[in-house]
């Protein structure tokens, strides 16, 4: 019988191992046996905590979002102009991405292989965060942003934030200070591009 003390560390170990395997192979190609081996446990023990690969993927994805959304949620709820807020959002996002550098590749793989499932998990997590709705309302009020323009804004932001991680192996040797320095050095540029879009679209 699993006790609380035994269960929490074991689940964390499994989630950490699963994150690594999913990032390398994606949901489609990852095997439960791979995850069990990475976690240093038997397949039977893994099944005790997570019956299917899909349930394990959901748990990994929600854990990553759980780290990011509260940080951003607190920022989104601040009563300050978006021009100031965007710098803080980018800071928080960079922090999470640098701690989970393989995440963008993982996200792209899942969007391509299981788009409906991935977006369902994302919408479920975002729906629980009231700050997201507050941000939408703020952008409508400050910039008159229309519904279809949010797609363009999301596309611009995602491309600026995620693309460097997709070509990390190319960028790293090209940038003298290393990859992390490259990401941190371009935060102001990303913020300026977002503000420029909002003001001049």
C-alpha atoms as a PDB file:
ATOM      1  CA  UNK A   1       0.000   0.000   0.000  1.00  0.00           C
ATOM      2  CA  UNK A   2       1.408   3.371  -1.048  1.00  0.00           C
ATOM      3  CA  UNK A   3       1.888   5.903   1.721  1.00  0.00           C
ATOM      4  CA  UNK A   4       1.920   9.661   1.264  1.00  0.00           C
ATOM      5  CA  UNK A   5       5.608   9.928   2.077  1.00  0.00           C
ATOM      6  CA  UNK A   6       6.482   7.224  -0.436  1.00  0.00           C
ATOM      7  CA  UNK A   7       4.118   8.473  -3.138  1.00  0.00           C
ATOM      8  CA  UNK A   8       5.102  12.105  -3.485  1.00  0.00           C
ATOM      9  CA  UNK A   9       8.841  11.556  -4.105  1.00  0.00           C
ATOM     10  CA  UNK A  10       8.126   8.638  -6.449  1.00  0.00           C
ATOM     11  CA  UNK A  11       5.678  10.666  -8.516  1.00  0.00           C
ATOM     12  CA  UNK A  12       8.129  13.552  -8.759  1.00  0.00           C
ATOM     13  CA  UNK A  13      10.842  11.161  -9.910  1.00  0.00           C
ATOM     14  CA  UNK A  14       8.505   9.703 -12.536  1.00  0.00           C
ATOM     15  CA  UNK A  15       7.391  13.122 -13.781  1.00  0.00           C
ATOM     16  CA  UNK A  16      10.996  14.288 -14.075  1.00  0.00           C
ATOM     17  CA  UNK A  17      11.958  11.160 -16.009  1.00  0.00           C
ATOM     18  CA  UNK A  18       8.880  11.399 -18.221  1.00  0.00           C
ATOM     19  CA  UNK A  19       9.609  15.037 -19.037  1.00  0.00           C
ATOM     20  CA  UNK A  20      13.074  14.066 -20.274  1.00  0.00           C
ATOM     21  CA  UNK A  21      11.789  11.169 -22.377  1.00  0.00           C
ATOM     22  CA  UNK A  22       8.890  13.155 -23.827  1.00  0.00           C
ATOM     23  CA  UNK A  23      11.201  16.029 -24.751  1.00  0.00           C
ATOM     24  CA  UNK A  24      13.566  13.653 -26.556  1.00  0.00           C
ATOM     25  CA  UNK A  25      11.011  11.438 -28.272  1.00  0.00           C
ATOM     26  CA  UNK A  26       7.620  13.125 -28.125  1.00  0.00           C
ATOM     27  CA  UNK A  27       4.429  11.488 -26.908  1.00  0.00           C
ATOM     28  CA  UNK A  28       4.011   9.274 -29.956  1.00  0.00           C
ATOM     29  CA  UNK A  29       7.467   7.673 -29.852  1.00  0.00           C
ATOM     30  CA  UNK A  30       7.990   7.578 -26.089  1.00  0.00           C
ATOM     31  CA  UNK A  31       7.422   4.209 -24.424  1.00  0.00           C
ATOM     32  CA  UNK A  32       6.389   3.566 -20.846  1.00  0.00           C
ATOM     33  CA  UNK A  33       9.363   1.201 -20.592  1.00  0.00           C
ATOM     34  CA  UNK A  34      11.688   4.103 -21.501  1.00  0.00           C
ATOM     35  CA  UNK A  35      10.183   6.261 -18.767  1.00  0.00           C
ATOM     36  CA  UNK A  36      10.390   3.484 -16.174  1.00  0.00           C
ATOM     37  CA  UNK A  37      14.054   2.905 -17.034  1.00  0.00           C
ATOM     38  CA  UNK A  38      14.813   6.640 -16.857  1.00  0.00           C
ATOM     39  CA  UNK A  39      13.124   6.821 -13.437  1.00  0.00           C
ATOM     40  CA  UNK A  40      14.967   3.733 -12.211  1.00  0.00           C
ATOM     41  CA  UNK A  41      11.793   1.822 -11.382  1.00  0.00           C
ATOM     42  CA  UNK A  42       9.992  -1.205 -12.768  1.00  0.00           C
ATOM     43  CA  UNK A  43       7.252  -0.954 -15.388  1.00  0.00           C
ATOM     44  CA  UNK A  44       4.844  -2.367 -12.786  1.00  0.00           C
ATOM     45  CA  UNK A  45       5.706   0.427 -10.352  1.00  0.00           C
ATOM     46  CA  UNK A  46       5.194   3.016 -13.083  1.00  0.00           C
ATOM     47  CA  UNK A  47       1.769   1.584 -13.905  1.00  0.00           C
ATOM     48  CA  UNK A  48       0.858   1.844 -10.233  1.00  0.00           C
ATOM     49  CA  UNK A  49       1.090   5.623 -10.461  1.00  0.00           C
ATOM     50  CA  UNK A  50       0.177   6.228 -14.102  1.00  0.00           C
ATOM     51  CA  UNK A  51      -1.824   3.666 -16.027  1.00  0.00           C
ATOM     52  CA  UNK A  52      -1.302   5.171 -19.472  1.00  0.00           C
ATOM     53  CA  UNK A  53       1.257   7.240 -21.312  1.00  0.00           C
ATOM     54  CA  UNK A  54      -1.426   9.824 -22.075  1.00  0.00           C
ATOM     55  CA  UNK A  55      -2.223  10.364 -18.385  1.00  0.00           C
ATOM     56  CA  UNK A  56       1.470  10.734 -17.644  1.00  0.00           C
ATOM     57  CA  UNK A  57       1.851  13.264 -20.455  1.00  0.00           C
ATOM     58  CA  UNK A  58      -1.064  15.294 -19.079  1.00  0.00           C
ATOM     59  CA  UNK A  59       0.550  15.278 -15.634  1.00  0.00           C
ATOM     60  CA  UNK A  60       3.906  16.453 -17.039  1.00  0.00           C
ATOM     61  CA  UNK A  61       2.344  19.214 -19.105  1.00  0.00           C
ATOM     62  CA  UNK A  62       0.201  20.453 -16.220  1.00  0.00           C
ATOM     63  CA  UNK A  63       3.223  20.443 -13.895  1.00  0.00           C
ATOM     64  CA  UNK A  64       5.125  22.703 -16.298  1.00  0.00           C
ATOM     65  CA  UNK A  65       2.152  25.033 -16.666  1.00  0.00           C
ATOM     66  CA  UNK A  66       1.682  25.019 -12.891  1.00  0.00           C
ATOM     67  CA  UNK A  67       5.178  26.440 -12.553  1.00  0.00           C
ATOM     68  CA  UNK A  68       4.646  29.132 -15.180  1.00  0.00           C
ATOM     69  CA  UNK A  69       1.027  30.269 -14.842  1.00  0.00           C
ATOM     70  CA  UNK A  70       1.094  31.348 -11.172  1.00  0.00           C
ATOM     71  CA  UNK A  71       4.147  33.525 -11.843  1.00  0.00           C
ATOM     72  CA  UNK A  72       2.560  35.132 -14.872  1.00  0.00           C
ATOM     73  CA  UNK A  73      -0.868  35.221 -13.241  1.00  0.00           C
ATOM     74  CA  UNK A  74       0.408  37.473 -10.492  1.00  0.00           C
ATOM     75  CA  UNK A  75       1.914  39.794 -13.083  1.00  0.00           C
ATOM     76  CA  UNK A  76      -1.176  39.856 -15.295  1.00  0.00           C
ATOM     77  CA  UNK A  77      -3.333  40.875 -12.345  1.00  0.00           C
ATOM     78  CA  UNK A  78      -1.222  43.948 -11.551  1.00  0.00           C
ATOM     79  CA  UNK A  79      -2.908  47.306 -12.121  1.00  0.00           C
ATOM     80  CA  UNK A  80      -0.129  48.721 -14.280  1.00  0.00           C
ATOM     81  CA  UNK A  81       0.048  49.624 -18.008  1.00  0.00           C
ATOM     82  CA  UNK A  82       0.754  46.764 -20.378  1.00  0.00           C
ATOM     83  CA  UNK A  83       3.962  48.494 -21.514  1.00  0.00           C
ATOM     84  CA  UNK A  84       5.419  47.836 -18.066  1.00  0.00           C
ATOM     85  CA  UNK A  85       3.753  44.474 -17.681  1.00  0.00           C
ATOM     86  CA  UNK A  86       5.193  42.929 -20.864  1.00  0.00           C
ATOM     87  CA  UNK A  87       8.770  43.192 -19.552  1.00  0.00           C
ATOM     88  CA  UNK A  88       7.785  41.292 -16.404  1.00  0.00           C
ATOM     89  CA  UNK A  89       5.937  38.631 -18.418  1.00  0.00           C
ATOM     90  CA  UNK A  90       8.980  38.066 -20.609  1.00  0.00           C
ATOM     91  CA  UNK A  91      11.245  37.829 -17.539  1.00  0.00           C
ATOM     92  CA  UNK A  92       9.025  35.111 -16.031  1.00  0.00           C
ATOM     93  CA  UNK A  93       8.707  33.254 -19.327  1.00  0.00           C
ATOM     94  CA  UNK A  94      12.468  33.303 -19.972  1.00  0.00           C
ATOM     95  CA  UNK A  95      13.068  31.943 -16.481  1.00  0.00           C
ATOM     96  CA  UNK A  96      10.788  28.946 -17.075  1.00  0.00           C
ATOM     97  CA  UNK A  97      12.109  28.280 -20.582  1.00  0.00           C
ATOM     98  CA  UNK A  98      15.740  28.356 -19.465  1.00  0.00           C
ATOM     99  CA  UNK A  99      14.939  25.888 -16.676  1.00  0.00           C
ATOM    100  CA  UNK A 100      13.099  23.666 -19.189  1.00  0.00           C
ATOM    101  CA  UNK A 101      15.156  24.294 -22.336  1.00  0.00           C
ATOM    102  CA  UNK A 102      13.765  21.239 -24.117  1.00  0.00           C
ATOM    103  CA  UNK A 103      10.168  22.341 -23.543  1.00  0.00           C
ATOM    104  CA  UNK A 104       9.681  24.318 -26.791  1.00  0.00           C
ATOM    105  CA  UNK A 105      10.756  21.339 -28.920  1.00  0.00           C
ATOM    106  CA  UNK A 106       8.432  19.145 -26.857  1.00  0.00           C
ATOM    107  CA  UNK A 107       5.541  21.581 -27.390  1.00  0.00           C
ATOM    108  CA  UNK A 108       6.079  21.765 -31.155  1.00  0.00           C
ATOM    109  CA  UNK A 109       6.237  17.988 -31.429  1.00  0.00           C
ATOM    110  CA  UNK A 110       2.961  17.627 -29.557  1.00  0.00           C
ATOM    111  CA  UNK A 111       1.242  20.352 -31.548  1.00  0.00           C
ATOM    112  CA  UNK A 112       2.153  18.504 -34.723  1.00  0.00           C
ATOM    113  CA  UNK A 113       1.339  14.978 -33.543  1.00  0.00           C
ATOM    114  CA  UNK A 114      -1.662  15.509 -31.245  1.00  0.00           C
ATOM    115  CA  UNK A 115      -2.901  19.089 -31.779  1.00  0.00           C
ATOM    116  CA  UNK A 116      -6.418  18.592 -30.384  1.00  0.00           C
ATOM    117  CA  UNK A 117      -5.213  16.859 -27.228  1.00  0.00           C
ATOM    118  CA  UNK A 118      -2.469  19.396 -26.623  1.00  0.00           C
ATOM    119  CA  UNK A 119      -4.748  22.398 -27.083  1.00  0.00           C
ATOM    120  CA  UNK A 120      -7.406  20.816 -24.850  1.00  0.00           C
ATOM    121  CA  UNK A 121      -4.850  20.500 -22.031  1.00  0.00           C
ATOM    122  CA  UNK A 122      -3.699  24.081 -22.591  1.00  0.00           C
ATOM    123  CA  UNK A 123      -7.228  25.502 -22.624  1.00  0.00           C
ATOM    124  CA  UNK A 124      -8.105  23.587 -19.451  1.00  0.00           C
ATOM    125  CA  UNK A 125      -5.141  25.087 -17.617  1.00  0.00           C
ATOM    126  CA  UNK A 126      -5.700  28.612 -18.959  1.00  0.00           C
ATOM    127  CA  UNK A 127      -9.403  28.511 -18.126  1.00  0.00           C
ATOM    128  CA  UNK A 128      -8.523  28.130 -14.452  1.00  0.00           C
ATOM    129  CA  UNK A 129      -6.406  31.295 -14.527  1.00  0.00           C
ATOM    130  CA  UNK A 130      -8.616  34.384 -14.303  1.00  0.00           C
ATOM    131  CA  UNK A 131      -5.613  36.633 -14.951  1.00  0.00           C
ATOM    132  CA  UNK A 132      -5.605  35.560 -18.608  1.00  0.00           C
ATOM    133  CA  UNK A 133      -9.081  37.040 -19.065  1.00  0.00           C
ATOM    134  CA  UNK A 134      -7.866  40.204 -17.315  1.00  0.00           C
ATOM    135  CA  UNK A 135      -5.009  40.513 -19.797  1.00  0.00           C
ATOM    136  CA  UNK A 136      -7.383  40.152 -22.746  1.00  0.00           C
ATOM    137  CA  UNK A 137      -9.621  42.873 -21.290  1.00  0.00           C
ATOM    138  CA  UNK A 138      -6.615  45.144 -20.705  1.00  0.00           C
ATOM    139  CA  UNK A 139      -5.361  44.779 -24.285  1.00  0.00           C
ATOM    140  CA  UNK A 140      -8.822  45.547 -25.627  1.00  0.00           C
ATOM    141  CA  UNK A 141      -9.066  48.629 -23.432  1.00  0.00           C
ATOM    142  CA  UNK A 142      -5.552  50.029 -23.946  1.00  0.00           C
ATOM    143  CA  UNK A 143      -5.045  49.148 -27.608  1.00  0.00           C
ATOM    144  CA  UNK A 144      -8.492  48.329 -28.964  1.00  0.00           C
ATOM    145  CA  UNK A 145      -7.270  44.845 -29.877  1.00  0.00           C
ATOM    146  CA  UNK A 146      -9.853  42.865 -31.838  1.00  0.00           C
ATOM    147  CA  UNK A 147     -10.551  39.155 -31.357  1.00  0.00           C
ATOM    148  CA  UNK A 148      -8.722  38.003 -34.525  1.00  0.00           C
ATOM    149  CA  UNK A 149      -5.728  40.183 -33.676  1.00  0.00           C
ATOM    150  CA  UNK A 150      -5.021  38.127 -30.578  1.00  0.00           C
ATOM    151  CA  UNK A 151      -4.012  35.271 -32.887  1.00  0.00           C
ATOM    152  CA  UNK A 152      -1.460  37.521 -34.597  1.00  0.00           C
ATOM    153  CA  UNK A 153      -0.171  38.733 -31.230  1.00  0.00           C
ATOM    154  CA  UNK A 154       0.146  35.173 -29.924  1.00  0.00           C
ATOM    155  CA  UNK A 155       1.952  34.113 -33.102  1.00  0.00           C
ATOM    156  CA  UNK A 156       4.418  37.006 -32.844  1.00  0.00           C
ATOM    157  CA  UNK A 157       5.135  36.457 -29.161  1.00  0.00           C
ATOM    158  CA  UNK A 158       5.482  32.674 -29.533  1.00  0.00           C
ATOM    159  CA  UNK A 159       7.844  32.998 -32.463  1.00  0.00           C
ATOM    160  CA  UNK A 160      10.080  35.500 -30.702  1.00  0.00           C
ATOM    161  CA  UNK A 161      10.199  33.511 -27.466  1.00  0.00           C
ATOM    162  CA  UNK A 162      10.339  29.945 -28.749  1.00  0.00           C
ATOM    163  CA  UNK A 163      12.274  29.989 -32.034  1.00  0.00           C
ATOM    164  CA  UNK A 164      15.734  30.464 -30.400  1.00  0.00           C
ATOM    165  CA  UNK A 165      15.167  27.303 -28.362  1.00  0.00           C
ATOM    166  CA  UNK A 166      14.349  25.330 -31.511  1.00  0.00           C
ATOM    167  CA  UNK A 167      17.705  26.266 -33.048  1.00  0.00           C
ATOM    168  CA  UNK A 168      19.665  26.299 -29.816  1.00  0.00           C
ATOM    169  CA  UNK A 169      22.479  24.066 -31.117  1.00  0.00           C
ATOM    170  CA  UNK A 170      23.058  26.504 -33.989  1.00  0.00           C
ATOM    171  CA  UNK A 171      22.935  29.663 -31.878  1.00  0.00           C
ATOM    172  CA  UNK A 172      25.066  28.517 -28.945  1.00  0.00           C
ATOM    173  CA  UNK A 173      28.447  28.410 -30.732  1.00  0.00           C
ATOM    174  CA  UNK A 174      27.632  31.636 -32.595  1.00  0.00           C
ATOM    175  CA  UNK A 175      26.977  33.746 -29.485  1.00  0.00           C
ATOM    176  CA  UNK A 176      30.089  34.500 -27.450  1.00  0.00           C
ATOM    177  CA  UNK A 177      28.340  34.584 -24.086  1.00  0.00           C
ATOM    178  CA  UNK A 178      26.517  31.280 -24.559  1.00  0.00           C
ATOM    179  CA  UNK A 179      22.847  30.463 -25.070  1.00  0.00           C
ATOM    180  CA  UNK A 180      21.484  31.747 -21.764  1.00  0.00           C
ATOM    181  CA  UNK A 181      23.237  35.078 -22.269  1.00  0.00           C
ATOM    182  CA  UNK A 182      21.743  35.273 -25.778  1.00  0.00           C
ATOM    183  CA  UNK A 183      18.203  34.740 -24.440  1.00  0.00           C
ATOM    184  CA  UNK A 184      18.616  37.284 -21.664  1.00  0.00           C
ATOM    185  CA  UNK A 185      20.175  39.838 -24.016  1.00  0.00           C
ATOM    186  CA  UNK A 186      17.142  39.930 -26.307  1.00  0.00           C
ATOM    187  CA  UNK A 187      14.360  40.429 -23.746  1.00  0.00           C
ATOM    188  CA  UNK A 188      14.142  44.159 -24.417  1.00  0.00           C
ATOM    189  CA  UNK A 189      13.972  43.524 -28.169  1.00  0.00           C
ATOM    190  CA  UNK A 190      11.087  41.072 -27.732  1.00  0.00           C
ATOM    191  CA  UNK A 191       9.160  43.524 -25.563  1.00  0.00           C
ATOM    192  CA  UNK A 192       9.729  46.341 -28.061  1.00  0.00           C
ATOM    193  CA  UNK A 193       8.469  44.166 -30.929  1.00  0.00           C
ATOM    194  CA  UNK A 194       5.273  43.341 -29.030  1.00  0.00           C
ATOM    195  CA  UNK A 195       4.612  46.996 -28.142  1.00  0.00           C
ATOM    196  CA  UNK A 196       5.379  48.067 -31.721  1.00  0.00           C
ATOM    197  CA  UNK A 197       2.819  45.584 -33.017  1.00  0.00           C
ATOM    198  CA  UNK A 198       0.152  46.834 -30.618  1.00  0.00           C
ATOM    199  CA  UNK A 199       0.760  50.485 -31.418  1.00  0.00           C
ATOM    200  CA  UNK A 200       1.289  50.243 -35.192  1.00  0.00           C
ATOM    201  CA  UNK A 201      -0.715  47.266 -36.437  1.00  0.00           C
END
